[in-house]
Protein backbone atom coordinates (compact mmCIF):
# COMPACT_ATOMS: atom_id res chain seq x y z
CA MET A 1 4.24 70.33 117.57
CA ARG A 2 6.30 70.76 114.46
CA LEU A 3 5.40 73.35 111.93
CA LEU A 4 6.87 74.12 108.56
CA VAL A 5 6.21 77.55 107.11
CA THR A 6 6.97 78.12 103.51
CA CYS A 7 7.02 81.28 101.15
CA THR A 8 8.54 81.53 97.58
CA HIS A 9 10.77 84.49 98.44
CA SER A 10 12.55 85.06 101.79
CA LEU A 11 11.50 88.73 101.78
CA THR A 12 7.96 87.49 102.09
CA LEU A 13 8.66 85.61 105.06
CA ALA A 14 10.48 88.47 106.80
CA THR A 15 7.65 90.83 106.11
CA LEU A 16 4.41 88.57 106.51
CA TYR A 17 5.62 86.55 109.55
CA LYS A 18 7.20 89.29 111.76
CA GLY A 19 7.17 88.54 115.30
CA LEU A 20 5.50 85.23 114.94
CA PHE A 21 8.23 82.68 115.05
CA PRO A 22 9.87 84.04 118.30
CA TYR A 23 6.42 83.68 119.99
CA LEU A 24 5.85 80.19 118.62
CA VAL A 25 9.34 78.92 119.60
CA ARG A 26 8.92 80.39 123.24
CA ASN A 27 5.41 78.37 123.34
CA GLY A 28 7.14 75.07 122.50
CA VAL A 29 6.65 74.92 118.72
CA ARG A 30 9.43 73.64 116.52
CA VAL A 31 9.69 75.85 113.61
CA ASP A 32 11.14 75.26 110.16
CA LEU A 33 11.17 77.45 107.33
CA VAL A 34 11.49 76.75 103.49
CA THR A 35 12.11 79.63 100.97
CA GLY A 36 13.24 79.64 97.36
CA ASP A 37 16.03 82.20 97.94
CA ARG A 38 18.71 83.79 99.98
CA GLU A 39 17.73 87.21 99.19
CA TYR A 40 17.00 88.19 102.92
CA ASP A 41 19.64 87.44 105.38
CA PHE A 42 17.82 85.89 108.21
CA ALA A 43 21.30 85.29 110.31
CA GLY A 44 21.16 87.03 113.83
CA HIS A 45 17.87 88.40 113.19
CA PRO A 46 15.56 88.16 116.29
CA ASP A 47 12.55 87.38 114.40
CA PHE A 48 14.31 84.14 113.22
CA GLU A 49 16.03 83.05 116.48
CA GLY A 50 15.19 79.26 116.94
CA VAL A 51 14.16 78.19 113.61
CA LYS A 52 15.66 76.17 110.76
CA LEU A 53 15.89 77.55 107.24
CA THR A 54 15.97 75.44 104.37
CA ILE A 55 16.47 76.80 100.79
CA ILE A 56 14.66 74.97 98.00
CA PRO A 57 15.14 77.14 94.84
CA MET A 58 11.69 78.07 93.48
CA ARG A 59 10.67 80.96 91.14
CA ARG A 60 7.60 82.68 90.52
CA THR A 61 7.04 81.98 86.87
CA PRO A 62 6.02 78.49 85.62
CA SER A 63 9.01 76.28 84.39
CA LEU A 64 8.34 72.80 83.97
CA ILE A 65 12.02 71.32 84.46
CA ALA A 66 12.69 73.82 87.35
CA ASP A 67 9.37 73.09 89.12
CA LEU A 68 9.94 69.33 88.83
CA ILE A 69 13.29 69.75 90.51
CA ALA A 70 11.75 71.75 93.11
CA LEU A 71 8.96 69.11 93.54
CA VAL A 72 11.51 66.23 93.83
CA ARG A 73 13.46 68.27 96.55
CA TRP A 74 10.23 69.17 98.41
CA THR A 75 9.46 65.55 98.39
CA TRP A 76 12.71 64.49 99.62
CA LEU A 77 12.70 66.92 102.35
CA LEU A 78 9.25 65.87 103.62
CA LEU A 79 10.25 62.07 103.45
CA TRP A 80 12.75 63.04 106.04
CA ARG A 81 11.23 65.55 108.10
CA ARG A 82 7.68 64.91 109.50
CA TYR A 83 5.35 67.94 110.39
CA ASP A 84 2.06 68.22 112.22
CA VAL A 85 1.30 71.39 110.20
CA ILE A 86 2.62 72.61 106.74
CA HIS A 87 1.62 76.39 106.54
CA VAL A 88 1.56 77.65 102.94
CA SER A 89 0.80 81.01 101.41
CA THR A 90 2.57 82.17 98.30
CA PRO A 91 1.36 80.33 95.07
CA LYS A 92 4.45 78.48 93.77
CA ALA A 93 5.71 77.30 97.36
CA SER A 94 2.09 76.39 98.07
CA LEU A 95 1.68 74.23 95.34
CA LEU A 96 5.02 72.40 95.52
CA ALA A 97 4.77 71.79 99.44
CA GLY A 98 1.13 70.72 99.10
CA LEU A 99 1.76 68.21 96.49
CA ALA A 100 4.91 67.01 98.31
CA ALA A 101 2.87 66.79 101.62
CA ARG A 102 0.37 64.76 99.83
CA LEU A 103 2.84 62.38 98.19
CA THR A 104 4.66 61.86 101.42
CA PHE A 105 1.37 61.63 103.68
CA ASN A 106 3.18 64.36 105.68
CA GLY A 107 1.34 66.88 107.82
CA GLN A 108 -1.92 68.92 107.69
CA VAL A 109 -1.62 71.60 104.96
CA LEU A 110 -2.84 74.97 105.99
CA PHE A 111 -3.31 77.28 102.96
CA VAL A 112 -3.39 81.02 103.83
CA TYR A 113 -5.02 82.70 100.80
CA ARG A 114 -3.83 86.29 100.47
CA ARG A 115 -4.71 87.14 96.88
CA ARG A 116 -6.04 85.96 93.64
CA VAL A 117 -3.06 86.33 91.39
CA TYR A 118 -5.44 85.79 88.15
CA GLU A 119 -7.55 88.50 89.26
CA LEU A 120 -6.88 90.80 86.39
CA MET A 121 -5.86 88.11 84.05
CA SER A 122 -8.25 86.53 81.20
CA GLY A 123 -8.62 83.54 78.95
CA ALA A 124 -6.39 80.57 79.23
CA LYS A 125 -4.08 82.28 81.67
CA LYS A 126 -6.71 83.13 84.12
CA ARG A 127 -7.86 79.44 83.76
CA PHE A 128 -4.55 77.85 84.48
CA TYR A 129 -4.03 79.99 87.54
CA ILE A 130 -7.49 79.18 88.80
CA TRP A 131 -6.65 75.50 88.24
CA ILE A 132 -3.35 75.76 90.13
CA ASP A 133 -5.30 77.33 93.08
CA ARG A 134 -7.87 74.56 93.01
CA ILE A 135 -4.88 71.94 93.32
CA ILE A 136 -3.36 73.95 96.19
CA ALA A 137 -6.83 73.94 97.88
CA ALA A 138 -7.42 70.28 97.32
CA CYS A 139 -3.97 69.57 98.98
CA ALA A 140 -5.06 71.72 102.08
CA ARG A 141 -7.00 70.46 105.04
CA ILE A 142 -8.04 74.31 105.57
CA VAL A 143 -7.92 77.42 103.43
CA VAL A 144 -7.88 80.55 105.47
CA PRO A 145 -8.61 83.58 103.52
CA ILE A 146 -7.61 86.94 104.81
CA SER A 147 -10.94 88.54 104.44
CA ALA A 148 -14.76 87.55 104.35
CA GLU A 149 -14.77 88.95 100.75
CA LEU A 150 -11.93 86.87 99.60
CA GLY A 151 -13.71 83.61 101.06
CA ARG A 152 -16.61 84.58 99.06
CA GLN A 153 -14.69 84.83 95.83
CA LEU A 154 -12.87 81.58 96.61
CA GLN A 155 -16.22 79.81 96.53
CA ALA A 156 -17.45 81.65 93.40
CA ASP A 157 -14.40 80.74 91.49
CA GLY A 158 -14.70 76.91 92.72
CA ILE A 159 -11.28 76.95 94.28
CA ALA A 160 -12.67 75.76 97.93
CA GLY A 161 -16.05 75.14 99.39
CA PRO A 162 -17.49 76.45 102.46
CA ALA A 163 -16.59 73.29 104.43
CA LYS A 164 -12.82 73.83 103.89
CA ILE A 165 -12.87 77.80 104.18
CA ARG A 166 -12.08 79.22 107.59
CA LEU A 167 -12.08 82.99 108.26
CA LEU A 168 -10.28 83.69 111.49
CA GLY A 169 -11.86 86.60 113.24
CA SER A 170 -12.74 89.44 110.62
CA GLY A 171 -9.89 88.41 108.63
CA SER A 172 -6.18 89.67 108.56
CA SER A 173 -2.97 89.02 106.57
CA ASN A 174 -0.77 88.80 109.68
CA GLY A 175 -2.55 90.27 112.57
CA ILE A 176 -2.25 93.32 114.83
CA ASP A 177 0.41 93.88 117.25
CA ALA A 178 -1.66 94.48 120.30
CA ASP A 179 1.25 95.71 122.36
CA HIS A 180 2.18 98.43 119.75
CA PHE A 181 -1.34 99.71 119.72
């Protein structure tokens, strides 16, 4: 199986996926990572051995020109690399990867939904970010909220319906290290 995991910032990959990639690689999964920066140095870190890292510059805030350039780079990447699953979770990387996956008919998009970025917003700005989340969810085959409450909020906000939402267990952002506890 070939898996692509993406986050807008490298530090997010380093913290939210700690310990996951070595496990996947040991179990025969080919893992590629895409992030928008080189802020966190993955070189030689045991949590990133055996994975391929690609940088596609992305920034959190909307920027029409920068986002279009990033979408072209995403599309080009997904035209040349084929994946079984494309795992997305942070808003900008999720939007760009989801759209590029749809444009290139590449992989099944799995959208792990960690937080509603628009929760404390109002007016047009809130509607804009809800619209973005709806696009990401529409590109995804499955939307995985990190809690039952977040899943209910996704449905109430019209982002994803119950047929698309899958809660894993009781919910969690990145699981529990059973060996540690």
